């Protein structure tokens, strides 16, 4: 029996590239990208405008994948707030196109959503909690989730703040933070914004677990609630950098185009019941710092 065929959207992005690199020996992989051409060793890459219904239909019909891992998104909340029409096309219409094409051949869809579908007022959030986003990005992700959940072979996984090795075109919040600190430049971090971050390799474990599960909605995270400022302190500890460069700030002291929820910690008991091991946040941070 041959390897299953998969399509991975967002192949040039941070999660998509890391995911393909990890699973290329397990699956026959076609990675698709929007504007940043990417070379994928031992995998096929091709451009795709996911907002173009005909292009998506043709690609899925030609490849006939067993699973589509839909990882592409416009994930910067401020960008979504400033240009909601463009981000809606990718985040919502593109997702609906992927689901419709998958439905035509019975392929499974594994879609990555975000902890930012929640308002941050009643954390930690479980899968039973109703989304209540406070910005356009969260609204778009929540709408896209519904399109996936209405499909019998659709799976939504919600992911928090992610960190990991860079792709050729994008990285995570760790890289610029470390670069600033190494250059003896101050870094301002919120002490009152809490997340339950996850490393890319643990997120990939979650994606693979979700692909083999009959569960339609799963949260994955490290399981540890931490502020951005506390994350900065740990980075300084591990790399022996100057903690005095870290500047504490509060959310209401800074204006952003998009509202920011204060605490979107995710409850991962459901994922753990399916066999997910979140590991140690400290160990995951140390692992990523080896690549910086």
Protein backbone atom coordinates (compact mmCIF):
# COMPACT_ATOMS: atom_id res chain seq x y z
CA UNK A 1 0.00 0.00 0.00
CA UNK A 2 1.43 3.37 -1.04
CA UNK A 3 1.80 6.47 1.05
CA UNK A 4 -1.21 8.71 1.48
CA UNK A 5 -1.26 11.86 -0.63
CA UNK A 6 -1.64 15.20 1.08
CA UNK A 7 -1.91 18.83 0.06
CA UNK A 8 -0.45 21.41 2.45
CA UNK A 9 -1.49 25.03 1.99
CA UNK A 10 0.80 27.76 3.28
CA UNK A 11 3.89 25.76 2.30
CA UNK A 12 6.20 28.79 2.40
CA UNK A 13 4.95 29.90 5.80
CA UNK A 14 6.37 29.21 9.23
CA UNK A 15 4.15 26.27 10.18
CA UNK A 16 3.57 24.93 6.68
CA UNK A 17 7.26 24.66 5.81
CA UNK A 18 8.15 23.05 9.13
CA UNK A 19 5.24 20.65 8.81
CA UNK A 20 6.20 19.51 5.32
CA UNK A 21 9.84 19.06 6.33
CA UNK A 22 8.68 16.83 9.19
CA UNK A 23 6.19 14.64 7.27
CA UNK A 24 7.72 14.35 3.81
CA UNK A 25 8.80 10.75 4.44
CA UNK A 26 5.37 9.78 5.79
CA UNK A 27 3.23 11.20 2.99
CA UNK A 28 3.39 12.04 -0.71
CA UNK A 29 3.31 15.81 -0.32
CA UNK A 30 2.18 18.66 -2.55
CA UNK A 31 2.88 21.99 -0.88
CA UNK A 32 1.12 25.04 -2.28
CA UNK A 33 2.08 28.66 -1.79
CA UNK A 34 0.63 32.05 -2.63
CA UNK A 35 3.41 34.46 -3.58
CA UNK A 36 6.65 33.17 -2.02
CA UNK A 37 8.01 30.37 -4.15
CA UNK A 38 9.55 27.68 -1.98
CA UNK A 39 11.75 24.68 -2.70
CA UNK A 40 10.62 21.59 -0.82
CA UNK A 41 13.15 18.74 -0.75
CA UNK A 42 11.45 15.43 -1.64
CA UNK A 43 8.09 17.18 -2.07
CA UNK A 44 6.30 18.95 -4.90
CA UNK A 45 5.57 22.65 -4.64
CA UNK A 46 3.26 24.74 -6.79
CA UNK A 47 1.52 28.12 -6.66
CA UNK A 48 -2.16 28.36 -5.84
CA UNK A 49 -4.58 31.23 -5.29
CA UNK A 50 -6.94 29.66 -2.76
CA UNK A 51 -9.44 32.46 -3.33
CA UNK A 52 -9.83 31.23 -6.92
CA UNK A 53 -12.52 28.55 -6.76
CA UNK A 54 -11.73 27.03 -10.15
CA UNK A 55 -8.00 26.76 -9.41
CA UNK A 56 -8.66 25.04 -6.09
CA UNK A 57 -11.20 22.64 -7.64
CA UNK A 58 -8.85 21.73 -10.49
CA UNK A 59 -5.86 21.13 -8.22
CA UNK A 60 -7.77 18.96 -5.78
CA UNK A 61 -9.42 17.01 -8.59
CA UNK A 62 -6.06 16.41 -10.29
CA UNK A 63 -4.11 15.43 -7.16
CA UNK A 64 -7.00 13.70 -5.34
CA UNK A 65 -5.39 13.92 -1.90
CA UNK A 66 -6.44 11.82 1.07
CA UNK A 67 -5.97 14.80 3.41
CA UNK A 68 -5.68 18.56 2.94
CA UNK A 69 -3.79 20.29 5.73
CA UNK A 70 -5.05 23.85 5.38
CA UNK A 71 -2.42 25.95 7.15
CA UNK A 72 -2.45 29.09 4.97
CA UNK A 73 -3.79 32.29 6.50
CA UNK A 74 -3.28 35.99 6.94
CA UNK A 75 -2.42 35.68 10.62
CA UNK A 76 -1.31 39.18 11.60
CA UNK A 77 -4.28 40.70 13.47
CA UNK A 78 -3.22 44.27 12.70
CA UNK A 79 -2.98 43.47 8.99
CA UNK A 80 -6.46 41.92 9.07
CA UNK A 81 -7.82 44.99 10.83
CA UNK A 82 -6.29 47.42 8.34
CA UNK A 83 -7.14 45.42 5.20
CA UNK A 84 -10.09 43.19 6.12
CA UNK A 85 -11.20 42.60 2.54
CA UNK A 86 -7.93 40.98 1.49
CA UNK A 87 -7.57 38.93 4.68
CA UNK A 88 -11.20 37.77 4.47
CA UNK A 89 -10.50 36.41 1.00
CA UNK A 90 -7.69 34.22 2.27
CA UNK A 91 -8.98 33.37 5.72
CA UNK A 92 -12.63 32.72 4.92
CA UNK A 93 -13.35 32.44 1.19
CA UNK A 94 -10.17 30.45 0.63
CA UNK A 95 -11.10 28.06 3.44
CA UNK A 96 -14.60 27.59 2.01
CA UNK A 97 -13.06 26.81 -1.39
CA UNK A 98 -10.77 24.20 0.17
CA UNK A 99 -13.68 22.57 2.01
CA UNK A 100 -15.89 22.49 -1.09
CA UNK A 101 -13.15 20.92 -3.20
CA UNK A 102 -12.36 18.36 -0.50
CA UNK A 103 -16.04 17.48 -0.24
CA UNK A 104 -16.20 16.70 -3.95
CA UNK A 105 -13.72 13.84 -3.52
CA UNK A 106 -14.28 12.94 0.15
CA UNK A 107 -10.86 14.15 1.34
CA UNK A 108 -10.27 15.02 4.97
CA UNK A 109 -9.56 18.66 5.86
CA UNK A 110 -7.39 19.55 8.86
CA UNK A 111 -7.62 23.31 9.45
CA UNK A 112 -5.56 25.41 11.83
CA UNK A 113 -7.47 28.07 13.73
CA UNK A 114 -6.41 30.30 16.59
CA UNK A 115 -6.88 31.01 20.30
CA UNK A 116 -7.81 34.52 19.16
CA UNK A 117 -11.36 33.38 18.45
CA UNK A 118 -11.85 34.05 22.19
CA UNK A 119 -12.23 37.42 23.94
CA UNK A 120 -9.74 36.71 26.74
CA UNK A 121 -12.17 37.26 29.62
CA UNK A 122 -12.85 33.69 30.79
CA UNK A 123 -9.71 31.62 30.24
CA UNK A 124 -8.77 28.83 30.12
CA UNK A 125 -10.91 27.96 27.12
CA UNK A 126 -12.09 24.46 26.27
CA UNK A 127 -13.56 23.18 23.02
CA UNK A 128 -17.04 23.63 24.51
CA UNK A 129 -16.61 27.38 24.97
CA UNK A 130 -18.29 29.62 22.41
CA UNK A 131 -15.97 31.84 20.35
CA UNK A 132 -16.31 35.57 20.96
CA UNK A 133 -13.55 37.34 19.00
CA UNK A 134 -12.55 40.95 19.62
CA UNK A 135 -10.78 41.63 16.32
CA UNK A 136 -11.23 40.95 12.59
CA UNK A 137 -8.70 38.13 12.54
CA UNK A 138 -10.57 36.26 15.27
CA UNK A 139 -13.88 36.90 13.50
CA UNK A 140 -12.51 35.54 10.24
CA UNK A 141 -11.04 32.45 11.89
CA UNK A 142 -14.32 31.77 13.71
CA UNK A 143 -16.28 31.99 10.44
CA UNK A 144 -13.78 29.73 8.67
CA UNK A 145 -14.06 27.21 11.52
CA UNK A 146 -17.78 26.87 10.90
CA UNK A 147 -17.22 26.02 7.24
CA UNK A 148 -14.83 23.24 8.26
CA UNK A 149 -16.98 21.93 11.11
CA UNK A 150 -20.03 21.68 8.84
CA UNK A 151 -18.12 19.17 6.69
CA UNK A 152 -18.28 15.59 8.00
CA UNK A 153 -14.56 15.07 7.30
CA UNK A 154 -13.45 18.44 8.64
CA UNK A 155 -11.20 18.92 11.69
CA UNK A 156 -10.43 22.25 13.38
CA UNK A 157 -7.40 22.56 15.61
CA UNK A 158 -6.92 25.75 17.59
CA UNK A 159 -3.33 26.80 18.15
CA UNK A 160 -1.93 29.55 20.37
CA UNK A 161 1.18 31.69 19.96
CA UNK A 162 3.73 29.52 18.12
CA UNK A 163 7.51 29.48 18.04
CA UNK A 164 10.05 27.40 16.18
CA UNK A 165 12.79 27.33 13.53
CA UNK A 166 12.35 29.79 10.66
CA UNK A 167 11.06 28.86 7.25
CA UNK A 168 12.80 30.47 4.24
CA UNK A 169 10.26 33.29 4.35
CA UNK A 170 9.01 33.65 7.93
CA UNK A 171 9.83 32.99 11.54
CA UNK A 172 8.20 33.27 14.93
CA UNK A 173 8.31 35.93 17.63
CA UNK A 174 11.46 34.38 19.14
CA UNK A 175 13.81 35.28 16.30
CA UNK A 176 13.36 39.08 16.36
CA UNK A 177 13.29 39.11 20.16
CA UNK A 178 16.63 37.29 20.37
CA UNK A 179 18.15 39.44 17.62
CA UNK A 180 17.21 42.66 19.41
CA UNK A 181 18.57 41.41 22.73
CA UNK A 182 21.84 40.27 21.17
CA UNK A 183 22.19 43.71 19.62
CA UNK A 184 21.71 45.26 23.10
CA UNK A 185 18.45 46.84 21.98
CA UNK A 186 15.53 47.12 24.41
CA UNK A 187 12.47 44.93 23.86
CA UNK A 188 9.07 45.99 25.16
CA UNK A 189 6.86 43.08 26.25
CA UNK A 190 3.41 42.93 27.83
CA UNK A 191 3.28 41.72 31.42
CA UNK A 192 -0.53 41.44 31.33
CA UNK A 193 -1.07 39.45 28.12
CA UNK A 194 -1.16 35.71 28.72
CA UNK A 195 -0.96 32.83 26.26
CA UNK A 196 -0.22 29.11 26.36
CA UNK A 197 2.44 28.98 23.61
CA UNK A 198 3.38 25.93 21.56
CA UNK A 199 6.50 24.96 19.63
CA UNK A 200 6.23 24.11 15.95
CA UNK A 201 7.20 20.49 16.56
CA UNK A 202 4.48 20.07 19.19
CA UNK A 203 1.98 21.77 16.85
CA UNK A 204 2.98 19.27 14.16
CA UNK A 205 2.38 16.41 16.58
CA UNK A 206 -1.07 17.91 17.11
CA UNK A 207 -1.76 18.14 13.39
CA UNK A 208 -0.86 14.50 12.88
CA UNK A 209 -2.91 13.41 15.89
CA UNK A 210 -5.89 15.38 14.58
CA UNK A 211 -5.53 13.81 11.13
CA UNK A 212 -5.89 10.35 12.64
CA UNK A 213 -8.70 11.27 15.01
CA UNK A 214 -12.47 11.26 14.63
CA UNK A 215 -12.65 14.38 16.80
CA UNK A 216 -13.71 17.52 14.92
CA UNK A 217 -12.38 20.25 17.25
CA UNK A 218 -9.21 20.06 19.36
CA UNK A 219 -7.06 22.56 21.30
CA UNK A 220 -3.29 22.17 21.43
CA UNK A 221 -0.81 24.14 23.52
CA UNK A 222 2.09 23.71 25.93
CA UNK A 223 -0.39 23.68 28.78
CA UNK A 224 1.49 26.44 30.65
CA UNK A 225 0.09 29.96 30.95
CA UNK A 226 2.76 32.62 30.64
CA UNK A 227 3.02 36.34 29.86
CA UNK A 228 5.10 37.69 27.03
CA UNK A 229 7.35 39.42 29.55
CA UNK A 230 7.94 36.14 31.42
CA UNK A 231 8.83 34.51 28.10
CA UNK A 232 11.40 37.22 27.57
CA UNK A 233 12.93 36.52 30.97
CA UNK A 234 13.30 32.83 30.13
CA UNK A 235 14.94 33.62 26.81
CA UNK A 236 17.46 35.83 28.61
CA UNK A 237 18.13 33.08 31.16
CA UNK A 238 18.77 30.41 28.52
CA UNK A 239 21.02 32.61 26.36
CA UNK A 240 22.64 34.57 29.20
CA UNK A 241 21.38 37.87 27.81
CA UNK A 242 20.80 41.14 29.64
CA UNK A 243 17.39 41.10 31.34
CA UNK A 244 17.54 44.85 31.89
CA UNK A 245 16.85 45.23 28.16
CA UNK A 246 13.34 43.86 28.72
CA UNK A 247 10.84 46.67 29.22
CA UNK A 248 7.56 45.86 30.95
CA UNK A 249 4.42 47.25 29.37
CA UNK A 250 0.68 46.90 29.78
CA UNK A 251 -1.82 46.46 26.97
CA UNK A 252 -3.67 49.70 27.66
CA UNK A 253 -0.42 51.65 27.30
CA UNK A 254 -0.09 50.75 23.60
CA UNK A 255 -2.53 51.35 20.76
CA UNK A 256 -2.83 48.76 17.99
CA UNK A 257 -5.20 48.65 15.01
CA UNK A 258 -6.55 45.32 16.35
CA UNK A 259 -7.84 44.75 19.86
CA UNK A 260 -5.83 42.21 21.85
CA UNK A 261 -7.47 39.78 24.29
CA UNK A 262 -5.66 39.59 27.63
CA UNK A 263 -5.74 35.86 28.32
CA UNK A 264 -6.49 33.24 25.67
CA UNK A 265 -5.04 30.26 27.54
CA UNK A 266 -6.26 26.98 26.06
CA UNK A 267 -7.49 23.97 28.01
CA UNK A 268 -5.84 20.89 26.42
CA UNK A 269 -7.35 18.09 28.48
CA UNK A 270 -9.22 16.80 25.43
CA UNK A 271 -6.00 16.62 23.40
CA UNK A 272 -4.24 14.86 26.26
CA UNK A 273 -7.05 12.30 26.45
CA UNK A 274 -6.29 11.52 22.79
CA UNK A 275 -2.61 10.94 23.58
CA UNK A 276 -1.10 14.40 23.11
CA UNK A 277 1.95 15.10 25.27
CA UNK A 278 2.58 18.86 25.56
CA UNK A 279 6.05 18.30 26.98
CA UNK A 280 7.84 21.08 28.83
CA UNK A 281 7.65 24.69 27.67
CA UNK A 282 11.21 25.19 28.94
CA UNK A 283 12.53 22.28 26.90
CA UNK A 284 10.70 23.44 23.77
CA UNK A 285 12.10 26.97 24.08
CA UNK A 286 15.60 25.59 24.58
CA UNK A 287 15.20 23.40 21.51
CA UNK A 288 14.21 26.35 19.31
CA UNK A 289 16.97 28.58 20.65
CA UNK A 290 19.51 26.08 19.30
CA UNK A 291 18.42 27.16 15.79
CA UNK A 292 18.79 30.92 16.40
